[in-house]
Amino acid sequence: MKRVTRVQTGVRMEKRILKVLKMIAEHHEISLGDLLEGIVLHAFEGRCPFDDASLHMIAKMKEIFDLDLTAADSHLLSETDDMEL
């Protein structure tokens, strides 16, 4: 185990992405913060953070939550008011 210092952060994220991330964290019985740290550490090394079984589950969760965004959309998102939904 490596000791780290964690800080509280308030990040804004697309609603459906967050729902899928919470389901992944719950499935692996880890916190959302631990999941995000793992994803980022893998990305920093150019590695995929998920195995085939997790990717299959993610695909199902994306369908359930109607998440149609892809990596190509990552820098093209604009925010809308919740009232417009």
PDB file of N, CA and C in Angstrom:
ATOM      1  N   MET A   1       0.836  -1.185   0.000  1.00  0.00           N
ATOM      2  CA  MET A   1       0.000   0.000   0.000  1.00  0.00           C
ATOM      3  C   MET A   1       0.877   1.244   0.000  1.00  0.00           C
ATOM      4  N   LYS A   2       0.469   2.223  -0.772  1.00  0.00           N
ATOM      5  CA  LYS A   2       1.164   3.508  -0.774  1.00  0.00           C
ATOM      6  C   LYS A   2       0.259   4.524  -0.108  1.00  0.00           C
ATOM      7  N   ARG A   3       0.827   5.324   0.744  1.00  0.00           N
ATOM      8  CA  ARG A   3       0.053   6.357   1.441  1.00  0.00           C
ATOM      9  C   ARG A   3      -0.025   7.595   0.559  1.00  0.00           C
ATOM     10  N   VAL A   4      -1.206   8.158   0.470  1.00  0.00           N
ATOM     11  CA  VAL A   4      -1.437   9.359  -0.335  1.00  0.00           C
ATOM     12  C   VAL A   4      -2.240  10.358   0.469  1.00  0.00           C
ATOM     13  N   THR A   5      -2.240  11.585   0.019  1.00  0.00           N
ATOM     14  CA  THR A   5      -3.088  12.619   0.601  1.00  0.00           C
ATOM     15  C   THR A   5      -4.199  12.908  -0.382  1.00  0.00           C
ATOM     16  N   ARG A   6      -5.419  12.754   0.061  1.00  0.00           N
ATOM     17  CA  ARG A   6      -6.565  13.014  -0.809  1.00  0.00           C
ATOM     18  C   ARG A   6      -7.207  14.343  -0.428  1.00  0.00           C
ATOM     19  N   VAL A   7      -7.793  15.006  -1.429  1.00  0.00           N
ATOM     20  CA  VAL A   7      -8.489  16.266  -1.204  1.00  0.00           C
ATOM     21  C   VAL A   7      -9.912  16.146  -1.741  1.00  0.00           C
ATOM     22  N   GLN A   8     -10.809  16.871  -1.127  1.00  0.00           N
ATOM     23  CA  GLN A   8     -12.188  16.906  -1.599  1.00  0.00           C
ATOM     24  C   GLN A   8     -12.255  17.822  -2.817  1.00  0.00           C
ATOM     25  N   THR A   9     -12.968  17.397  -3.832  1.00  0.00           N
ATOM     26  CA  THR A   9     -13.087  18.197  -5.043  1.00  0.00           C
ATOM     27  C   THR A   9     -14.540  18.249  -5.480  1.00  0.00           C
ATOM     28  N   GLY A  10     -14.883  19.279  -6.147  1.00  0.00           N
ATOM     29  CA  GLY A  10     -16.235  19.410  -6.678  1.00  0.00           C
ATOM     30  C   GLY A  10     -16.162  19.505  -8.188  1.00  0.00           C
ATOM     31  N   VAL A  11     -16.234  18.379  -8.852  1.00  0.00           N
ATOM     32  CA  VAL A  11     -16.151  18.375 -10.314  1.00  0.00           C
ATOM     33  C   VAL A  11     -17.552  18.266 -10.905  1.00  0.00           C
ATOM     34  N   ARG A  12     -17.733  18.885 -12.051  1.00  0.00           N
ATOM     35  CA  ARG A  12     -19.004  18.775 -12.765  1.00  0.00           C
ATOM     36  C   ARG A  12     -18.799  17.765 -13.891  1.00  0.00           C
ATOM     37  N   MET A  13     -19.798  16.907 -14.080  1.00  0.00           N
ATOM     38  CA  MET A  13     -19.666  15.841 -15.058  1.00  0.00           C
ATOM     39  C   MET A  13     -21.026  15.582 -15.697  1.00  0.00           C
ATOM     40  N   GLU A  14     -21.005  15.115 -16.921  1.00  0.00           N
ATOM     41  CA  GLU A  14     -22.240  14.791 -17.623  1.00  0.00           C
ATOM     42  C   GLU A  14     -22.998  13.738 -16.828  1.00  0.00           C
ATOM     43  N   LYS A  15     -24.278  13.957 -16.699  1.00  0.00           N
ATOM     44  CA  LYS A  15     -25.149  13.165 -15.814  1.00  0.00           C
ATOM     45  C   LYS A  15     -25.117  11.662 -16.103  1.00  0.00           C
ATOM     46  N   ARG A  16     -25.241  11.280 -17.372  1.00  0.00           N
ATOM     47  CA  ARG A  16     -25.290   9.854 -17.717  1.00  0.00           C
ATOM     48  C   ARG A  16     -23.940   9.181 -17.519  1.00  0.00           C
ATOM     49  N   ILE A  17     -22.854   9.923 -17.777  1.00  0.00           N
ATOM     50  CA  ILE A  17     -21.522   9.380 -17.538  1.00  0.00           C
ATOM     51  C   ILE A  17     -21.369   9.062 -16.050  1.00  0.00           C
ATOM     52  N   LEU A  18     -21.802   9.987 -15.212  1.00  0.00           N
ATOM     53  CA  LEU A  18     -21.707   9.782 -13.768  1.00  0.00           C
ATOM     54  C   LEU A  18     -22.520   8.570 -13.328  1.00  0.00           C
ATOM     55  N   LYS A  19     -23.698   8.380 -13.884  1.00  0.00           N
ATOM     56  CA  LYS A  19     -24.520   7.216 -13.531  1.00  0.00           C
ATOM     57  C   LYS A  19     -23.790   5.917 -13.856  1.00  0.00           C
ATOM     58  N   VAL A  20     -23.175   5.855 -15.038  1.00  0.00           N
ATOM     59  CA  VAL A  20     -22.435   4.656 -15.435  1.00  0.00           C
ATOM     60  C   VAL A  20     -21.236   4.444 -14.512  1.00  0.00           C
ATOM     61  N   LEU A  21     -20.500   5.515 -14.210  1.00  0.00           N
ATOM     62  CA  LEU A  21     -19.354   5.394 -13.320  1.00  0.00           C
ATOM     63  C   LEU A  21     -19.762   4.893 -11.941  1.00  0.00           C
ATOM     64  N   LYS A  22     -20.869   5.395 -11.412  1.00  0.00           N
ATOM     65  CA  LYS A  22     -21.340   4.936 -10.103  1.00  0.00           C
ATOM     66  C   LYS A  22     -21.689   3.454 -10.127  1.00  0.00           C
ATOM     67  N   MET A  23     -22.287   2.986 -11.219  1.00  0.00           N
ATOM     68  CA  MET A  23     -22.622   1.568 -11.340  1.00  0.00           C
ATOM     69  C   MET A  23     -21.355   0.707 -11.401  1.00  0.00           C
ATOM     70  N   ILE A  24     -20.336   1.184 -12.115  1.00  0.00           N
ATOM     71  CA  ILE A  24     -19.077   0.445 -12.194  1.00  0.00           C
ATOM     72  C   ILE A  24     -18.445   0.352 -10.809  1.00  0.00           C
ATOM     73  N   ALA A  25     -18.397   1.483 -10.106  1.00  0.00           N
ATOM     74  CA  ALA A  25     -17.809   1.500  -8.764  1.00  0.00           C
ATOM     75  C   ALA A  25     -18.570   0.556  -7.841  1.00  0.00           C
ATOM     76  N   GLU A  26     -19.895   0.602  -7.903  1.00  0.00           N
ATOM     77  CA  GLU A  26     -20.709  -0.277  -7.055  1.00  0.00           C
ATOM     78  C   GLU A  26     -20.442  -1.742  -7.388  1.00  0.00           C
ATOM     79  N   HIS A  27     -20.356  -2.037  -8.671  1.00  0.00           N
ATOM     80  CA  HIS A  27     -20.102  -3.414  -9.112  1.00  0.00           C
ATOM     81  C   HIS A  27     -18.772  -3.938  -8.555  1.00  0.00           C
ATOM     82  N   HIS A  28     -17.773  -3.071  -8.518  1.00  0.00           N
ATOM     83  CA  HIS A  28     -16.448  -3.476  -8.022  1.00  0.00           C
ATOM     84  C   HIS A  28     -16.285  -3.234  -6.525  1.00  0.00           C
ATOM     85  N   GLU A  29     -17.348  -2.760  -5.891  1.00  0.00           N
ATOM     86  CA  GLU A  29     -17.358  -2.488  -4.450  1.00  0.00           C
ATOM     87  C   GLU A  29     -16.218  -1.561  -4.032  1.00  0.00           C
ATOM     88  N   ILE A  30     -16.076  -0.468  -4.796  1.00  0.00           N
ATOM     89  CA  ILE A  30     -15.097   0.570  -4.476  1.00  0.00           C
ATOM     90  C   ILE A  30     -15.800   1.916  -4.541  1.00  0.00           C
ATOM     91  N   SER A  31     -15.146   2.925  -3.998  1.00  0.00           N
ATOM     92  CA  SER A  31     -15.738   4.263  -4.041  1.00  0.00           C
ATOM     93  C   SER A  31     -15.583   4.853  -5.443  1.00  0.00           C
ATOM     94  N   LEU A  32     -16.398   5.840  -5.733  1.00  0.00           N
ATOM     95  CA  LEU A  32     -16.297   6.540  -7.008  1.00  0.00           C
ATOM     96  C   LEU A  32     -14.915   7.188  -7.137  1.00  0.00           C
ATOM     97  N   GLY A  33     -14.413   7.754  -6.054  1.00  0.00           N
ATOM     98  CA  GLY A  33     -13.085   8.362  -6.077  1.00  0.00           C
ATOM     99  C   GLY A  33     -11.996   7.360  -6.414  1.00  0.00           C
ATOM    100  N   ASP A  34     -12.065   6.168  -5.803  1.00  0.00           N
ATOM    101  CA  ASP A  34     -11.079   5.121  -6.107  1.00  0.00           C
ATOM    102  C   ASP A  34     -11.154   4.706  -7.579  1.00  0.00           C
ATOM    103  N   LEU A  35     -12.368   4.604  -8.099  1.00  0.00           N
ATOM    104  CA  LEU A  35     -12.547   4.243  -9.507  1.00  0.00           C
ATOM    105  C   LEU A  35     -11.914   5.299 -10.406  1.00  0.00           C
ATOM    106  N   LEU A  36     -12.207   6.565 -10.136  1.00  0.00           N
ATOM    107  CA  LEU A  36     -11.665   7.647 -10.962  1.00  0.00           C
ATOM    108  C   LEU A  36     -10.139   7.694 -10.890  1.00  0.00           C
ATOM    109  N   GLU A  37      -9.584   7.505  -9.688  1.00  0.00           N
ATOM    110  CA  GLU A  37      -8.123   7.461  -9.559  1.00  0.00           C
ATOM    111  C   GLU A  37      -7.542   6.346 -10.423  1.00  0.00           C
ATOM    112  N   GLY A  38      -8.158   5.181 -10.378  1.00  0.00           N
ATOM    113  CA  GLY A  38      -7.678   4.052 -11.177  1.00  0.00           C
ATOM    114  C   GLY A  38      -7.756   4.320 -12.666  1.00  0.00           C
ATOM    115  N   ILE A  39      -8.856   4.919 -13.112  1.00  0.00           N
ATOM    116  CA  ILE A  39      -9.018   5.245 -14.528  1.00  0.00           C
ATOM    117  C   ILE A  39      -7.926   6.216 -14.968  1.00  0.00           C
ATOM    118  N   VAL A  40      -7.703   7.256 -14.172  1.00  0.00           N
ATOM    119  CA  VAL A  40      -6.708   8.275 -14.522  1.00  0.00           C
ATOM    120  C   VAL A  40      -5.301   7.691 -14.524  1.00  0.00           C
ATOM    121  N   LEU A  41      -4.954   6.896 -13.516  1.00  0.00           N
ATOM    122  CA  LEU A  41      -3.615   6.302 -13.475  1.00  0.00           C
ATOM    123  C   LEU A  41      -3.369   5.402 -14.680  1.00  0.00           C
ATOM    124  N   HIS A  42      -4.387   4.633 -15.087  1.00  0.00           N
ATOM    125  CA  HIS A  42      -4.255   3.815 -16.292  1.00  0.00           C
ATOM    126  C   HIS A  42      -4.088   4.705 -17.527  1.00  0.00           C
ATOM    127  N   ALA A  43      -4.905   5.760 -17.637  1.00  0.00           N
ATOM    128  CA  ALA A  43      -4.830   6.659 -18.790  1.00  0.00           C
ATOM    129  C   ALA A  43      -3.467   7.332 -18.881  1.00  0.00           C
ATOM    130  N   PHE A  44      -2.899   7.714 -17.748  1.00  0.00           N
ATOM    131  CA  PHE A  44      -1.579   8.343 -17.734  1.00  0.00           C
ATOM    132  C   PHE A  44      -0.513   7.433 -18.338  1.00  0.00           C
ATOM    133  N   GLU A  45      -0.733   6.126 -18.264  1.00  0.00           N
ATOM    134  CA  GLU A  45       0.217   5.158 -18.826  1.00  0.00           C
ATOM    135  C   GLU A  45      -0.234   4.637 -20.186  1.00  0.00           C
ATOM    136  N   GLY A  46      -1.326   5.206 -20.725  1.00  0.00           N
ATOM    137  CA  GLY A  46      -1.819   4.772 -22.030  1.00  0.00           C
ATOM    138  C   GLY A  46      -2.438   3.400 -22.015  1.00  0.00           C
ATOM    139  N   ARG A  47      -2.930   2.976 -20.856  1.00  0.00           N
ATOM    140  CA  ARG A  47      -3.519   1.643 -20.699  1.00  0.00           C
ATOM    141  C   ARG A  47      -5.017   1.741 -20.507  1.00  0.00           C
ATOM    142  N   CYS A  48      -5.728   0.718 -20.935  1.00  0.00           N
ATOM    143  CA  CYS A  48      -7.169   0.643 -20.695  1.00  0.00           C
ATOM    144  C   CYS A  48      -7.400   0.185 -19.259  1.00  0.00           C
ATOM    145  N   PRO A  49      -8.238   0.904 -18.510  1.00  0.00           N
ATOM    146  CA  PRO A  49      -8.457   0.527 -17.113  1.00  0.00           C
ATOM    147  C   PRO A  49      -9.430  -0.632 -16.923  1.00  0.00           C
ATOM    148  N   PHE A  50     -10.067  -1.096 -17.994  1.00  0.00           N
ATOM    149  CA  PHE A  50     -11.116  -2.105 -17.860  1.00  0.00           C
ATOM    150  C   PHE A  50     -10.789  -3.363 -18.646  1.00  0.00           C
ATOM    151  N   ASP A  51     -11.128  -4.518 -18.056  1.00  0.00           N
ATOM    152  CA  ASP A  51     -10.976  -5.785 -18.773  1.00  0.00           C
ATOM    153  C   ASP A  51     -12.213  -6.004 -19.649  1.00  0.00           C
ATOM    154  N   ASP A  52     -12.206  -7.090 -20.416  1.00  0.00           N
ATOM    155  CA  ASP A  52     -13.303  -7.352 -21.350  1.00  0.00           C
ATOM    156  C   ASP A  52     -14.653  -7.470 -20.651  1.00  0.00           C
ATOM    157  N   ALA A  53     -14.689  -8.116 -19.488  1.00  0.00           N
ATOM    158  CA  ALA A  53     -15.952  -8.274 -18.757  1.00  0.00           C
ATOM    159  C   ALA A  53     -16.493  -6.914 -18.320  1.00  0.00           C
ATOM    160  N   SER A  54     -15.617  -6.041 -17.844  1.00  0.00           N
ATOM    161  CA  SER A  54     -16.053  -4.706 -17.429  1.00  0.00           C
ATOM    162  C   SER A  54     -16.527  -3.893 -18.626  1.00  0.00           C
ATOM    163  N   LEU A  55     -15.827  -3.997 -19.748  1.00  0.00           N
ATOM    164  CA  LEU A  55     -16.246  -3.272 -20.952  1.00  0.00           C
ATOM    165  C   LEU A  55     -17.616  -3.740 -21.423  1.00  0.00           C
ATOM    166  N   HIS A  56     -17.890  -5.030 -21.300  1.00  0.00           N
ATOM    167  CA  HIS A  56     -19.203  -5.569 -21.661  1.00  0.00           C
ATOM    168  C   HIS A  56     -20.277  -4.985 -20.741  1.00  0.00           C
ATOM    169  N   MET A  57     -20.000  -4.938 -19.442  1.00  0.00           N
ATOM    170  CA  MET A  57     -20.943  -4.374 -18.484  1.00  0.00           C
ATOM    171  C   MET A  57     -21.161  -2.880 -18.762  1.00  0.00           C
ATOM    172  N   ILE A  58     -20.087  -2.166 -19.084  1.00  0.00           N
ATOM    173  CA  ILE A  58     -20.192  -0.747 -19.392  1.00  0.00           C
ATOM    174  C   ILE A  58     -21.082  -0.533 -20.607  1.00  0.00           C
ATOM    175  N   ALA A  59     -20.940  -1.356 -21.616  1.00  0.00           N
ATOM    176  CA  ALA A  59     -21.786  -1.239 -22.812  1.00  0.00           C
ATOM    177  C   ALA A  59     -23.258  -1.395 -22.441  1.00  0.00           C
ATOM    178  N   LYS A  60     -23.560  -2.328 -21.563  1.00  0.00           N
ATOM    179  CA  LYS A  60     -24.945  -2.525 -21.115  1.00  0.00           C
ATOM    180  C   LYS A  60     -25.442  -1.309 -20.333  1.00  0.00           C
ATOM    181  N   MET A  61     -24.591  -0.783 -19.434  1.00  0.00           N
ATOM    182  CA  MET A  61     -24.976   0.387 -18.637  1.00  0.00           C
ATOM    183  C   MET A  61     -25.188   1.615 -19.525  1.00  0.00           C
ATOM    184  N   LYS A  62     -24.373   1.756 -20.575  1.00  0.00           N
ATOM    185  CA  LYS A  62     -24.545   2.873 -21.504  1.00  0.00           C
ATOM    186  C   LYS A  62     -25.899   2.779 -22.194  1.00  0.00           C
ATOM    187  N   GLU A  63     -26.313   1.566 -22.539  1.00  0.00           N
ATOM    188  CA  GLU A  63     -27.637   1.373 -23.145  1.00  0.00           C
ATOM    189  C   GLU A  63     -28.741   1.741 -22.165  1.00  0.00           C
ATOM    190  N   ILE A  64     -28.644   1.254 -20.949  1.00  0.00           N
ATOM    191  CA  ILE A  64     -29.664   1.501 -19.927  1.00  0.00           C
ATOM    192  C   ILE A  64     -29.831   2.993 -19.679  1.00  0.00           C
ATOM    193  N   PHE A  65     -28.720   3.727 -19.601  1.00  0.00           N
ATOM    194  CA  PHE A  65     -28.772   5.153 -19.301  1.00  0.00           C
ATOM    195  C   PHE A  65     -28.758   6.025 -20.553  1.00  0.00           C
ATOM    196  N   ASP A  66     -28.951   5.398 -21.732  1.00  0.00           N
ATOM    197  CA  ASP A  66     -29.025   6.120 -23.004  1.00  0.00           C
ATOM    198  C   ASP A  66     -27.802   7.020 -23.200  1.00  0.00           C
ATOM    199  N   LEU A  67     -26.629   6.500 -22.877  1.00  0.00           N
ATOM    200  CA  LEU A  67     -25.387   7.250 -23.011  1.00  0.00           C
ATOM    201  C   LEU A  67     -24.814   6.993 -24.398  1.00  0.00           C
ATOM    202  N   ASP A  68     -24.978   7.974 -25.273  1.00  0.00           N
ATOM    203  CA  ASP A  68     -24.549   7.827 -26.664  1.00  0.00           C
ATOM    204  C   ASP A  68     -23.271   8.606 -26.970  1.00  0.00           C
ATOM    205  N   LEU A  69     -22.634   9.172 -25.962  1.00  0.00           N
ATOM    206  CA  LEU A  69     -21.411   9.935 -26.162  1.00  0.00           C
ATOM    207  C   LEU A  69     -20.227   8.992 -26.351  1.00  0.00           C
ATOM    208  N   THR A  70     -19.255   9.451 -27.132  1.00  0.00           N
ATOM    209  CA  THR A  70     -18.034   8.680 -27.359  1.00  0.00           C
ATOM    210  C   THR A  70     -16.830   9.566 -27.062  1.00  0.00           C
ATOM    211  N   ALA A  71     -15.647   8.986 -27.137  1.00  0.00           N
ATOM    212  CA  ALA A  71     -14.420   9.749 -26.909  1.00  0.00           C
ATOM    213  C   ALA A  71     -14.323  10.917 -27.896  1.00  0.00           C
ATOM    214  N   ALA A  72     -14.846  10.747 -29.092  1.00  0.00           N
ATOM    215  CA  ALA A  72     -14.809  11.820 -30.089  1.00  0.00           C
ATOM    216  C   ALA A  72     -15.594  13.050 -29.627  1.00  0.00           C
ATOM    217  N   ASP A  73     -16.539  12.860 -28.729  1.00  0.00           N
ATOM    218  CA  ASP A  73     -17.356  13.969 -28.217  1.00  0.00           C
ATOM    219  C   ASP A  73     -16.694  14.705 -27.059  1.00  0.00           C
ATOM    220  N   SER A  74     -15.591  14.193 -26.538  1.00  0.00           N
ATOM    221  CA  SER A  74     -15.061  14.643 -25.253  1.00  0.00           C
ATOM    222  C   SER A  74     -14.764  16.134 -25.151  1.00  0.00           C
ATOM    223  N   HIS A  75     -14.380  16.785 -26.208  1.00  0.00           N
ATOM    224  CA  HIS A  75     -14.079  18.212 -26.133  1.00  0.00           C
ATOM    225  C   HIS A  75     -15.107  19.046 -26.896  1.00  0.00           C
ATOM    226  N   LEU A  76     -16.247  18.445 -27.184  1.00  0.00           N
ATOM    227  CA  LEU A  76     -17.277  19.122 -27.971  1.00  0.00           C
ATOM    228  C   LEU A  76     -18.583  19.278 -27.204  1.00  0.00           C
ATOM    229  N   LEU A  77     -18.571  19.043 -25.907  1.00  0.00           N
ATOM    230  CA  LEU A  77     -19.797  19.091 -25.119  1.00  0.00           C
ATOM    231  C   LEU A  77     -20.067  20.511 -24.648  1.00  0.00           C
ATOM    232  N   SER A  78     -21.332  20.907 -24.714  1.00  0.00           N
ATOM    233  CA  SER A  78     -21.728  22.194 -24.154  1.00  0.00           C
ATOM    234  C   SER A  78     -22.846  21.932 -23.155  1.00  0.00           C
ATOM    235  N   GLU A  79     -22.905  22.762 -22.165  1.00  0.00           N
ATOM    236  CA  GLU A  79     -23.850  22.549 -21.056  1.00  0.00           C
ATOM    237  C   GLU A  79     -25.209  23.161 -21.391  1.00  0.00           C
ATOM    238  N   THR A  80     -26.257  22.481 -20.903  1.00  0.00           N
ATOM    239  CA  THR A  80     -27.616  22.974 -21.045  1.00  0.00           C
ATOM    240  C   THR A  80     -28.235  23.091 -19.670  1.00  0.00           C
ATOM    241  N   ASP A  81     -29.254  23.924 -19.543  1.00  0.00           N
ATOM    242  CA  ASP A  81     -29.970  24.011 -18.274  1.00  0.00           C
ATOM    243  C   ASP A  81     -30.797  22.758 -18.080  1.00  0.00           C
ATOM    244  N   ASP A  82     -30.881  22.267 -16.838  1.00  0.00           N
ATOM    245  CA  ASP A  82     -31.697  21.082 -16.533  1.00  0.00           C
ATOM    246  C   ASP A  82     -33.145  21.288 -16.950  1.00  0.00           C
ATOM    247  N   MET A  83     -33.600  22.522 -16.942  1.00  0.00           N
ATOM    248  CA  MET A  83     -34.998  22.817 -17.253  1.00  0.00           C
ATOM    249  C   MET A  83     -35.317  22.491 -18.712  1.00  0.00           C
ATOM    250  N   GLU A  84     -34.305  22.491 -19.586  1.00  0.00           N
ATOM    251  CA  GLU A  84     -34.530  22.234 -21.006  1.00  0.00           C
ATOM    252  C   GLU A  84     -34.701  20.747 -21.289  1.00  0.00           C
ATOM    253  N   LEU A  85     -34.326  19.884 -20.379  1.00  0.00           N
ATOM    254  CA  LEU A  85     -34.358  18.440 -20.632  1.00  0.00           C
ATOM    255  C   LEU A  85     -35.733  17.880 -20.603  1.00  0.00           C
TER     256      LEU A  85
END
